[in-house]
């Protein structure tokens, strides 16, 4: 596995033939093949344990060790790349490695366990792939930062994404998982563009203009970089902010959140909390 950034995964790398990586939330993992190599067994043995766990057959020694450790997830692994990659988190790997080292006296697993005892598997993975969790931003904040850094506009104009920064901050703080599929700038842009044209705001504020925009490389939209977006005269900022608070948030954002719930990007409770968090205080007071 070459070093890469994929959905659900911050970074992945093959070190001494062992596939390992870090999930987007900072959790270190080994792939099924990597865990098998660390245990000195065929990868099918690991997948059989995972299959048994998934199917509820949990009376074996390894399953009991996992249960005794408090592990009760429906899967032993985190599926990545639409299920083509199985990521076994460090807590699961530690128990599996100890199982093969202690219960099966596997010499490879014993060697791996000695490494774990010296440094801990999590720190071993972090060090091996060059990841420092102290310097890592949580995923949503990293998305927010990366998008803002690429949201430029010429002098005298503003981009919608930058003007959405406070709105996005409130959303992230309330638990919105910011990603290529949840940043509502396209939704806001389409509705604001229609509002701009229907109300002939160019007559009042001056003409908007097209400007080059790039998405972060890991975004699906990056395949068509650079793209053209509308940027608007800075004289219209106050009108945009008022429209966002009084029109888009109460009138359009609920439907946007509903789509994300149907797409299983958000759960209903989170969507309701997000709407409450970004709704201006004045509108909440009128309820």
C-alpha atoms as a PDB file:
ATOM      1  CA  UNK A   1       0.000   0.000   0.000  1.00  0.00           C
ATOM      2  CA  UNK A   2       1.532   3.295  -1.036  1.00  0.00           C
ATOM      3  CA  UNK A   3       1.238   6.349   1.180  1.00  0.00           C
ATOM      4  CA  UNK A   4      -2.074   7.970   0.378  1.00  0.00           C
ATOM      5  CA  UNK A   5      -5.105   9.784   1.741  1.00  0.00           C
ATOM      6  CA  UNK A   6      -8.456   8.069   1.224  1.00  0.00           C
ATOM      7  CA  UNK A   7     -11.950   8.237   2.628  1.00  0.00           C
ATOM      8  CA  UNK A   8     -11.916   7.568   6.381  1.00  0.00           C
ATOM      9  CA  UNK A   9      -8.138   7.369   6.406  1.00  0.00           C
ATOM     10  CA  UNK A  10      -5.724  10.200   7.110  1.00  0.00           C
ATOM     11  CA  UNK A  11      -2.577   8.390   6.011  1.00  0.00           C
ATOM     12  CA  UNK A  12      -1.498   4.830   5.214  1.00  0.00           C
ATOM     13  CA  UNK A  13       1.880   3.283   4.571  1.00  0.00           C
ATOM     14  CA  UNK A  14       3.650  -0.046   4.261  1.00  0.00           C
ATOM     15  CA  UNK A  15       6.508  -0.376   6.763  1.00  0.00           C
ATOM     16  CA  UNK A  16       8.743  -3.473   6.592  1.00  0.00           C
ATOM     17  CA  UNK A  17       5.996  -5.250   4.707  1.00  0.00           C
ATOM     18  CA  UNK A  18       3.302  -4.398   7.276  1.00  0.00           C
ATOM     19  CA  UNK A  19       0.417  -2.214   6.098  1.00  0.00           C
ATOM     20  CA  UNK A  20      -0.516   0.352   8.703  1.00  0.00           C
ATOM     21  CA  UNK A  21      -2.046   3.779   8.958  1.00  0.00           C
ATOM     22  CA  UNK A  22      -4.055   6.332  10.885  1.00  0.00           C
ATOM     23  CA  UNK A  23      -7.790   6.865  10.541  1.00  0.00           C
ATOM     24  CA  UNK A  24      -9.167  10.339  10.006  1.00  0.00           C
ATOM     25  CA  UNK A  25      -9.958  10.605  13.737  1.00  0.00           C
ATOM     26  CA  UNK A  26      -6.329   9.838  14.668  1.00  0.00           C
ATOM     27  CA  UNK A  27      -6.813   6.140  15.539  1.00  0.00           C
ATOM     28  CA  UNK A  28      -3.833   3.989  14.451  1.00  0.00           C
ATOM     29  CA  UNK A  29      -4.541   0.704  12.676  1.00  0.00           C
ATOM     30  CA  UNK A  30      -3.111  -2.280  10.825  1.00  0.00           C
ATOM     31  CA  UNK A  31      -4.803  -3.683   7.752  1.00  0.00           C
ATOM     32  CA  UNK A  32      -5.897  -7.317   7.817  1.00  0.00           C
ATOM     33  CA  UNK A  33      -2.818  -8.262   5.806  1.00  0.00           C
ATOM     34  CA  UNK A  34      -0.622  -6.140   8.079  1.00  0.00           C
ATOM     35  CA  UNK A  35      -2.045  -7.693  11.231  1.00  0.00           C
ATOM     36  CA  UNK A  36      -1.554 -11.181   9.814  1.00  0.00           C
ATOM     37  CA  UNK A  37       2.096 -10.434   9.057  1.00  0.00           C
ATOM     38  CA  UNK A  38       2.596  -9.006  12.562  1.00  0.00           C
ATOM     39  CA  UNK A  39       1.134 -12.241  13.973  1.00  0.00           C
ATOM     40  CA  UNK A  40       3.025 -14.571  11.652  1.00  0.00           C
ATOM     41  CA  UNK A  41      -0.139 -16.171  10.242  1.00  0.00           C
ATOM     42  CA  UNK A  42      -1.952 -16.314   6.930  1.00  0.00           C
ATOM     43  CA  UNK A  43      -4.280 -13.365   6.431  1.00  0.00           C
ATOM     44  CA  UNK A  44      -7.183 -15.783   5.954  1.00  0.00           C
ATOM     45  CA  UNK A  45      -6.843 -16.701   9.639  1.00  0.00           C
ATOM     46  CA  UNK A  46      -7.448 -13.064  10.610  1.00  0.00           C
ATOM     47  CA  UNK A  47     -10.375 -12.746   8.229  1.00  0.00           C
ATOM     48  CA  UNK A  48     -11.954 -15.935   9.596  1.00  0.00           C
ATOM     49  CA  UNK A  49     -11.859 -14.507  13.127  1.00  0.00           C
ATOM     50  CA  UNK A  50     -13.415 -11.292  11.803  1.00  0.00           C
ATOM     51  CA  UNK A  51     -16.087 -13.272   9.936  1.00  0.00           C
ATOM     52  CA  UNK A  52     -16.970 -15.296  13.030  1.00  0.00           C
ATOM     53  CA  UNK A  53     -17.263 -12.125  15.108  1.00  0.00           C
ATOM     54  CA  UNK A  54     -19.477 -10.470  12.494  1.00  0.00           C
ATOM     55  CA  UNK A  55     -21.760 -13.520  12.360  1.00  0.00           C
ATOM     56  CA  UNK A  56     -22.131 -13.690  16.133  1.00  0.00           C
ATOM     57  CA  UNK A  57     -19.934 -16.726  16.698  1.00  0.00           C
ATOM     58  CA  UNK A  58     -18.091 -15.380  19.730  1.00  0.00           C
ATOM     59  CA  UNK A  59     -17.383 -18.404  21.875  1.00  0.00           C
ATOM     60  CA  UNK A  60     -13.775 -18.863  20.730  1.00  0.00           C
ATOM     61  CA  UNK A  61     -10.764 -17.880  22.839  1.00  0.00           C
ATOM     62  CA  UNK A  62      -9.952 -14.735  20.824  1.00  0.00           C
ATOM     63  CA  UNK A  63     -13.573 -13.588  20.844  1.00  0.00           C
ATOM     64  CA  UNK A  64     -13.720 -14.017  24.608  1.00  0.00           C
ATOM     65  CA  UNK A  65     -10.518 -12.006  25.015  1.00  0.00           C
ATOM     66  CA  UNK A  66     -12.024  -9.190  22.964  1.00  0.00           C
ATOM     67  CA  UNK A  67     -15.259  -9.294  24.950  1.00  0.00           C
ATOM     68  CA  UNK A  68     -13.382  -9.348  28.269  1.00  0.00           C
ATOM     69  CA  UNK A  69     -11.548  -6.220  27.141  1.00  0.00           C
ATOM     70  CA  UNK A  70     -14.890  -4.477  26.640  1.00  0.00           C
ATOM     71  CA  UNK A  71     -14.919  -4.628  22.846  1.00  0.00           C
ATOM     72  CA  UNK A  72     -18.514  -4.880  21.623  1.00  0.00           C
ATOM     73  CA  UNK A  73     -18.528  -3.363  18.136  1.00  0.00           C
ATOM     74  CA  UNK A  74     -20.458  -5.310  15.453  1.00  0.00           C
ATOM     75  CA  UNK A  75     -17.282  -5.619  13.339  1.00  0.00           C
ATOM     76  CA  UNK A  76     -13.716  -6.322  14.402  1.00  0.00           C
ATOM     77  CA  UNK A  77     -12.488  -3.842  11.805  1.00  0.00           C
ATOM     78  CA  UNK A  78     -13.325  -0.491  10.241  1.00  0.00           C
ATOM     79  CA  UNK A  79     -14.214  -0.930   6.542  1.00  0.00           C
ATOM     80  CA  UNK A  80     -12.451   1.527   4.217  1.00  0.00           C
ATOM     81  CA  UNK A  81     -12.537   2.101   0.468  1.00  0.00           C
ATOM     82  CA  UNK A  82     -16.070   0.710   0.237  1.00  0.00           C
ATOM     83  CA  UNK A  83     -15.068  -2.393   2.182  1.00  0.00           C
ATOM     84  CA  UNK A  84     -11.983  -3.208   0.127  1.00  0.00           C
ATOM     85  CA  UNK A  85      -9.695  -2.458   3.079  1.00  0.00           C
ATOM     86  CA  UNK A  86     -10.186  -3.737   6.632  1.00  0.00           C
ATOM     87  CA  UNK A  87      -8.617  -1.471   9.239  1.00  0.00           C
ATOM     88  CA  UNK A  88      -8.067  -3.208  12.592  1.00  0.00           C
ATOM     89  CA  UNK A  89      -7.571  -0.520  15.233  1.00  0.00           C
ATOM     90  CA  UNK A  90      -4.614  -0.659  17.584  1.00  0.00           C
ATOM     91  CA  UNK A  91      -6.754  -1.797  20.538  1.00  0.00           C
ATOM     92  CA  UNK A  92      -8.055  -4.806  18.566  1.00  0.00           C
ATOM     93  CA  UNK A  93      -4.614  -5.544  17.098  1.00  0.00           C
ATOM     94  CA  UNK A  94      -3.039  -5.612  20.549  1.00  0.00           C
ATOM     95  CA  UNK A  95      -5.420  -8.345  21.697  1.00  0.00           C
ATOM     96  CA  UNK A  96      -5.059 -10.357  18.472  1.00  0.00           C
ATOM     97  CA  UNK A  97      -1.244 -10.194  18.645  1.00  0.00           C
ATOM     98  CA  UNK A  98      -1.266 -11.236  22.313  1.00  0.00           C
ATOM     99  CA  UNK A  99      -3.616 -14.116  21.432  1.00  0.00           C
ATOM    100  CA  UNK A 100      -1.212 -15.521  18.865  1.00  0.00           C
ATOM    101  CA  UNK A 101       1.832 -14.835  21.047  1.00  0.00           C
ATOM    102  CA  UNK A 102       0.512 -16.276  24.309  1.00  0.00           C
ATOM    103  CA  UNK A 103      -2.149 -18.801  23.295  1.00  0.00           C
ATOM    104  CA  UNK A 104      -0.351 -20.097  20.201  1.00  0.00           C
ATOM    105  CA  UNK A 105       3.283 -19.393  21.079  1.00  0.00           C
ATOM    106  CA  UNK A 106       3.783 -17.942  17.603  1.00  0.00           C
ATOM    107  CA  UNK A 107       7.382 -16.637  17.454  1.00  0.00           C
ATOM    108  CA  UNK A 108       6.546 -13.770  15.087  1.00  0.00           C
ATOM    109  CA  UNK A 109       3.678 -12.627  17.308  1.00  0.00           C
ATOM    110  CA  UNK A 110       5.990 -12.921  20.333  1.00  0.00           C
ATOM    111  CA  UNK A 111       8.476 -10.595  18.647  1.00  0.00           C
ATOM    112  CA  UNK A 112       5.727  -8.117  17.791  1.00  0.00           C
ATOM    113  CA  UNK A 113       4.431  -8.262  21.360  1.00  0.00           C
ATOM    114  CA  UNK A 114       7.892  -7.377  22.690  1.00  0.00           C
ATOM    115  CA  UNK A 115       7.855  -4.270  20.467  1.00  0.00           C
ATOM    116  CA  UNK A 116       4.420  -3.362  21.805  1.00  0.00           C
ATOM    117  CA  UNK A 117       5.596  -3.803  25.397  1.00  0.00           C
ATOM    118  CA  UNK A 118       8.490  -1.394  24.783  1.00  0.00           C
ATOM    119  CA  UNK A 119       6.679   1.396  22.957  1.00  0.00           C
ATOM    120  CA  UNK A 120       3.001   0.558  22.614  1.00  0.00           C
ATOM    121  CA  UNK A 121       1.493  -0.347  19.251  1.00  0.00           C
ATOM    122  CA  UNK A 122      -0.065   3.097  18.803  1.00  0.00           C
ATOM    123  CA  UNK A 123       3.252   4.914  19.218  1.00  0.00           C
ATOM    124  CA  UNK A 124       4.988   2.337  17.030  1.00  0.00           C
ATOM    125  CA  UNK A 125       2.534   3.039  14.186  1.00  0.00           C
ATOM    126  CA  UNK A 126       2.699   6.799  14.664  1.00  0.00           C
ATOM    127  CA  UNK A 127       6.498   6.768  14.577  1.00  0.00           C
ATOM    128  CA  UNK A 128       6.671   4.371  11.631  1.00  0.00           C
ATOM    129  CA  UNK A 129       4.526   6.516   9.359  1.00  0.00           C
ATOM    130  CA  UNK A 130       5.814   9.847  10.659  1.00  0.00           C
ATOM    131  CA  UNK A 131       2.529  10.965  12.233  1.00  0.00           C
ATOM    132  CA  UNK A 132       2.473  13.269  15.251  1.00  0.00           C
ATOM    133  CA  UNK A 133      -0.989  13.280  16.900  1.00  0.00           C
ATOM    134  CA  UNK A 134      -0.077  16.454  18.814  1.00  0.00           C
ATOM    135  CA  UNK A 135       0.132  18.355  15.545  1.00  0.00           C
ATOM    136  CA  UNK A 136      -2.932  16.862  13.888  1.00  0.00           C
ATOM    137  CA  UNK A 137      -6.120  18.859  13.516  1.00  0.00           C
ATOM    138  CA  UNK A 138      -9.429  17.054  14.055  1.00  0.00           C
ATOM    139  CA  UNK A 139     -10.870  16.160  10.623  1.00  0.00           C
ATOM    140  CA  UNK A 140     -13.583  18.834  10.513  1.00  0.00           C
ATOM    141  CA  UNK A 141     -11.179  21.593  11.538  1.00  0.00           C
ATOM    142  CA  UNK A 142      -8.673  20.404   8.952  1.00  0.00           C
ATOM    143  CA  UNK A 143     -11.362  20.531   6.261  1.00  0.00           C
ATOM    144  CA  UNK A 144     -12.350  24.026   7.389  1.00  0.00           C
ATOM    145  CA  UNK A 145      -8.754  25.249   7.320  1.00  0.00           C
ATOM    146  CA  UNK A 146      -7.947  23.721   3.945  1.00  0.00           C
ATOM    147  CA  UNK A 147     -11.057  25.118   2.291  1.00  0.00           C
ATOM    148  CA  UNK A 148     -10.484  28.616   3.662  1.00  0.00           C
ATOM    149  CA  UNK A 149      -6.871  28.657   2.495  1.00  0.00           C
ATOM    150  CA  UNK A 150      -8.056  27.968  -1.068  1.00  0.00           C
ATOM    151  CA  UNK A 151     -11.001  30.391  -0.973  1.00  0.00           C
ATOM    152  CA  UNK A 152      -9.469  33.502  -2.519  1.00  0.00           C
ATOM    153  CA  UNK A 153     -11.018  36.556  -4.153  1.00  0.00           C
ATOM    154  CA  UNK A 154      -9.592  39.618  -5.935  1.00  0.00           C
ATOM    155  CA  UNK A 155      -9.441  43.006  -4.243  1.00  0.00           C
ATOM    156  CA  UNK A 156     -12.876  44.536  -3.950  1.00  0.00           C
ATOM    157  CA  UNK A 157     -14.702  41.182  -3.994  1.00  0.00           C
ATOM    158  CA  UNK A 158     -15.587  38.453  -1.509  1.00  0.00           C
ATOM    159  CA  UNK A 159     -16.018  34.691  -1.816  1.00  0.00           C
ATOM    160  CA  UNK A 160     -19.032  33.031  -0.234  1.00  0.00           C
ATOM    161  CA  UNK A 161     -16.964  30.388   1.547  1.00  0.00           C
ATOM    162  CA  UNK A 162     -14.974  32.993   3.473  1.00  0.00           C
ATOM    163  CA  UNK A 163     -18.158  34.822   4.417  1.00  0.00           C
ATOM    164  CA  UNK A 164     -19.589  31.497   5.620  1.00  0.00           C
ATOM    165  CA  UNK A 165     -16.722  31.057   8.084  1.00  0.00           C
ATOM    166  CA  UNK A 166     -18.678  32.024  11.231  1.00  0.00           C
ATOM    167  CA  UNK A 167     -21.615  29.894  10.098  1.00  0.00           C
ATOM    168  CA  UNK A 168     -19.275  26.919   9.557  1.00  0.00           C
ATOM    169  CA  UNK A 169     -17.535  27.481  12.892  1.00  0.00           C
ATOM    170  CA  UNK A 170     -20.839  27.258  14.729  1.00  0.00           C
ATOM    171  CA  UNK A 171     -21.720  24.131  12.763  1.00  0.00           C
ATOM    172  CA  UNK A 172     -18.406  22.383  13.519  1.00  0.00           C
ATOM    173  CA  UNK A 173     -18.635  23.257  17.200  1.00  0.00           C
ATOM    174  CA  UNK A 174     -22.054  21.612  17.237  1.00  0.00           C
ATOM    175  CA  UNK A 175     -20.788  18.403  15.701  1.00  0.00           C
ATOM    176  CA  UNK A 176     -21.140  18.842  11.945  1.00  0.00           C
ATOM    177  CA  UNK A 177     -18.692  16.427  10.246  1.00  0.00           C
ATOM    178  CA  UNK A 178     -17.237  18.806   7.682  1.00  0.00           C
ATOM    179  CA  UNK A 179     -16.161  17.044   4.494  1.00  0.00           C
ATOM    180  CA  UNK A 180     -16.366  17.280   0.731  1.00  0.00           C
ATOM    181  CA  UNK A 181     -20.001  16.200   1.003  1.00  0.00           C
ATOM    182  CA  UNK A 182     -21.178  18.418   3.844  1.00  0.00           C
ATOM    183  CA  UNK A 183     -19.748  21.920   3.270  1.00  0.00           C
ATOM    184  CA  UNK A 184     -22.893  23.785   2.145  1.00  0.00           C
ATOM    185  CA  UNK A 185     -21.114  26.373  -0.014  1.00  0.00           C
ATOM    186  CA  UNK A 186     -22.567  25.002  -3.267  1.00  0.00           C
ATOM    187  CA  UNK A 187     -26.070  25.026  -1.783  1.00  0.00           C
ATOM    188  CA  UNK A 188     -25.613  28.565  -0.462  1.00  0.00           C
ATOM    189  CA  UNK A 189     -24.022  29.683  -3.727  1.00  0.00           C
ATOM    190  CA  UNK A 190     -26.907  28.479  -5.899  1.00  0.00           C
ATOM    191  CA  UNK A 191     -29.609  30.049  -3.743  1.00  0.00           C
ATOM    192  CA  UNK A 192     -27.707  33.333  -3.294  1.00  0.00           C
ATOM    193  CA  UNK A 193     -27.014  33.512  -7.046  1.00  0.00           C
ATOM    194  CA  UNK A 194     -30.728  33.221  -7.769  1.00  0.00           C
ATOM    195  CA  UNK A 195     -31.459  35.859  -5.140  1.00  0.00           C
ATOM    196  CA  UNK A 196     -28.836  38.143  -6.700  1.00  0.00           C
ATOM    197  CA  UNK A 197     -30.325  37.855 -10.170  1.00  0.00           C
ATOM    198  CA  UNK A 198     -33.995  37.984  -9.198  1.00  0.00           C
ATOM    199  CA  UNK A 199     -33.474  41.150  -7.143  1.00  0.00           C
ATOM    200  CA  UNK A 200     -31.075  42.757  -9.657  1.00  0.00           C
ATOM    201  CA  UNK A 201     -28.536  43.418  -6.922  1.00  0.00           C
ATOM    202  CA  UNK A 202     -25.859  44.249  -9.500  1.00  0.00           C
ATOM    203  CA  UNK A 203     -27.667  47.540 -10.063  1.00  0.00           C
ATOM    204  CA  UNK A 204     -27.165  48.427  -6.413  1.00  0.00           C
ATOM    205  CA  UNK A 205     -23.756  46.909  -5.656  1.00  0.00           C
ATOM    206  CA  UNK A 206     -22.011  46.477  -9.002  1.00  0.00           C
ATOM    207  CA  UNK A 207     -21.358  43.408 -11.140  1.00  0.00           C
ATOM    208  CA  UNK A 208     -20.144  40.122  -9.723  1.00  0.00           C
ATOM    209  CA  UNK A 209     -17.345  38.343 -11.577  1.00  0.00           C
ATOM    210  CA  UNK A 210     -15.970  34.878 -12.245  1.00  0.00           C
ATOM    211  CA  UNK A 211     -12.894  33.788 -10.291  1.00  0.00           C
ATOM    212  CA  UNK A 212     -10.708  30.694 -10.290  1.00  0.00           C
ATOM    213  CA  UNK A 213     -11.280  28.313  -7.400  1.00  0.00           C
ATOM    214  CA  UNK A 214      -9.531  25.065  -6.432  1.00  0.00           C
ATOM    215  CA  UNK A 215     -10.741  22.286  -4.152  1.00  0.00           C
ATOM    216  CA  UNK A 216      -8.290  20.395  -1.885  1.00  0.00           C
ATOM    217  CA  UNK A 217      -6.609  17.544  -3.757  1.00  0.00           C
ATOM    218  CA  UNK A 218      -8.393  14.853  -1.717  1.00  0.00           C
ATOM    219  CA  UNK A 219     -11.850  16.182  -2.712  1.00  0.00           C
ATOM    220  CA  UNK A 220     -13.677  14.432  -5.596  1.00  0.00           C
ATOM    221  CA  UNK A 221     -14.354  17.922  -7.026  1.00  0.00           C
ATOM    222  CA  UNK A 222     -10.595  18.447  -7.380  1.00  0.00           C
ATOM    223  CA  UNK A 223     -10.631  16.311 -10.531  1.00  0.00           C
ATOM    224  CA  UNK A 224     -11.958  19.330 -12.443  1.00  0.00           C
ATOM    225  CA  UNK A 225      -9.705  21.976 -10.826  1.00  0.00           C
ATOM    226  CA  UNK A 226      -9.455  24.855 -11.436  1.00  0.00           C
ATOM    227  CA  UNK A 227     -13.125  25.776 -11.390  1.00  0.00           C
ATOM    228  CA  UNK A 228     -14.894  29.085 -11.793  1.00  0.00           C
ATOM    229  CA  UNK A 229     -17.028  30.518  -9.024  1.00  0.00           C
ATOM    230  CA  UNK A 230     -18.846  33.800  -8.576  1.00  0.00           C
ATOM    231  CA  UNK A 231     -17.252  36.420  -6.344  1.00  0.00           C
ATOM    232  CA  UNK A 232     -19.248  39.450  -5.311  1.00  0.00           C
ATOM    233  CA  UNK A 233     -18.537  43.147  -4.675  1.00  0.00           C
ATOM    234  CA  UNK A 234     -17.539  43.773  -1.056  1.00  0.00           C
ATOM    235  CA  UNK A 235     -20.271  46.403  -0.889  1.00  0.00           C
ATOM    236  CA  UNK A 236     -22.761  43.508  -0.854  1.00  0.00           C
ATOM    237  CA  UNK A 237     -21.320  41.750   2.229  1.00  0.00           C
ATOM    238  CA  UNK A 238     -23.871  43.221   4.647  1.00  0.00           C
ATOM    239  CA  UNK A 239     -26.720  42.249   2.324  1.00  0.00           C
ATOM    240  CA  UNK A 240     -25.334  38.699   2.036  1.00  0.00           C
ATOM    241  CA  UNK A 241     -25.007  38.294   5.804  1.00  0.00           C
ATOM    242  CA  UNK A 242     -28.553  39.525   6.346  1.00  0.00           C
ATOM    243  CA  UNK A 243     -29.837  37.185   3.623  1.00  0.00           C
ATOM    244  CA  UNK A 244     -27.928  34.231   5.139  1.00  0.00           C
ATOM    245  CA  UNK A 245     -29.430  34.788   8.598  1.00  0.00           C
ATOM    246  CA  UNK A 246     -32.939  35.746   7.535  1.00  0.00           C
ATOM    247  CA  UNK A 247     -33.511  33.717   4.371  1.00  0.00           C
ATOM    248  CA  UNK A 248     -31.112  30.822   3.833  1.00  0.00           C
ATOM    249  CA  UNK A 249     -30.742  29.456   7.382  1.00  0.00           C
ATOM    250  CA  UNK A 250     -34.460  29.374   8.264  1.00  0.00           C
ATOM    251  CA  UNK A 251     -35.735  28.736   4.735  1.00  0.00           C
ATOM    252  CA  UNK A 252     -33.177  26.551   2.956  1.00  0.00           C
ATOM    253  CA  UNK A 253     -30.764  25.022   5.466  1.00  0.00           C
ATOM    254  CA  UNK A 254     -33.384  22.661   6.993  1.00  0.00           C
ATOM    255  CA  UNK A 255     -33.924  21.069   3.563  1.00  0.00           C
ATOM    256  CA  UNK A 256     -30.157  20.800   3.088  1.00  0.00           C
ATOM    257  CA  UNK A 257     -29.818  18.987   6.433  1.00  0.00           C
ATOM    258  CA  UNK A 258     -32.725  16.722   5.524  1.00  0.00           C
ATOM    259  CA  UNK A 259     -30.877  15.616   2.397  1.00  0.00           C
ATOM    260  CA  UNK A 260     -27.795  14.837   4.477  1.00  0.00           C
ATOM    261  CA  UNK A 261     -29.892  12.758   6.870  1.00  0.00           C
ATOM    262  CA  UNK A 262     -31.307  10.774   3.932  1.00  0.00           C
ATOM    263  CA  UNK A 263     -27.770  10.319   2.595  1.00  0.00           C
ATOM    264  CA  UNK A 264     -26.808   9.011   6.075  1.00  0.00           C
ATOM    265  CA  UNK A 265     -24.166  11.704   6.465  1.00  0.00           C
ATOM    266  CA  UNK A 266     -25.968  13.016   9.556  1.00  0.00           C
ATOM    267  CA  UNK A 267     -28.367  11.488  12.054  1.00  0.00           C
ATOM    268  CA  UNK A 268     -31.604  13.258  12.850  1.00  0.00           C
ATOM    269  CA  UNK A 269     -30.621  14.412  16.352  1.00  0.00           C
ATOM    270  CA  UNK A 270     -27.380  15.935  15.050  1.00  0.00           C
ATOM    271  CA  UNK A 271     -29.221  17.723  12.237  1.00  0.00           C
ATOM    272  CA  UNK A 272     -31.680  19.263  14.694  1.00  0.00           C
ATOM    273  CA  UNK A 273     -28.859  20.383  16.968  1.00  0.00           C
ATOM    274  CA  UNK A 274     -26.951  21.902  14.041  1.00  0.00           C
ATOM    275  CA  UNK A 275     -29.966  23.888  12.894  1.00  0.00           C
ATOM    276  CA  UNK A 276     -30.453  25.279  16.392  1.00  0.00           C
ATOM    277  CA  UNK A 277     -26.763  26.178  16.644  1.00  0.00           C
ATOM    278  CA  UNK A 278     -26.578  28.184  13.420  1.00  0.00           C
ATOM    279  CA  UNK A 279     -29.960  29.873  13.706  1.00  0.00           C
ATOM    280  CA  UNK A 280     -29.459  33.520  14.687  1.00  0.00           C
ATOM    281  CA  UNK A 281     -30.455  34.378  18.243  1.00  0.00           C
ATOM    282  CA  UNK A 282     -33.012  36.922  17.033  1.00  0.00           C
ATOM    283  CA  UNK A 283     -34.916  34.249  15.111  1.00  0.00           C
ATOM    284  CA  UNK A 284     -34.761  31.814  18.024  1.00  0.00           C
ATOM    285  CA  UNK A 285     -36.216  34.475  20.299  1.00  0.00           C
ATOM    286  CA  UNK A 286     -39.192  34.821  17.965  1.00  0.00           C
ATOM    287  CA  UNK A 287     -40.116  31.128  18.180  1.00  0.00           C
END
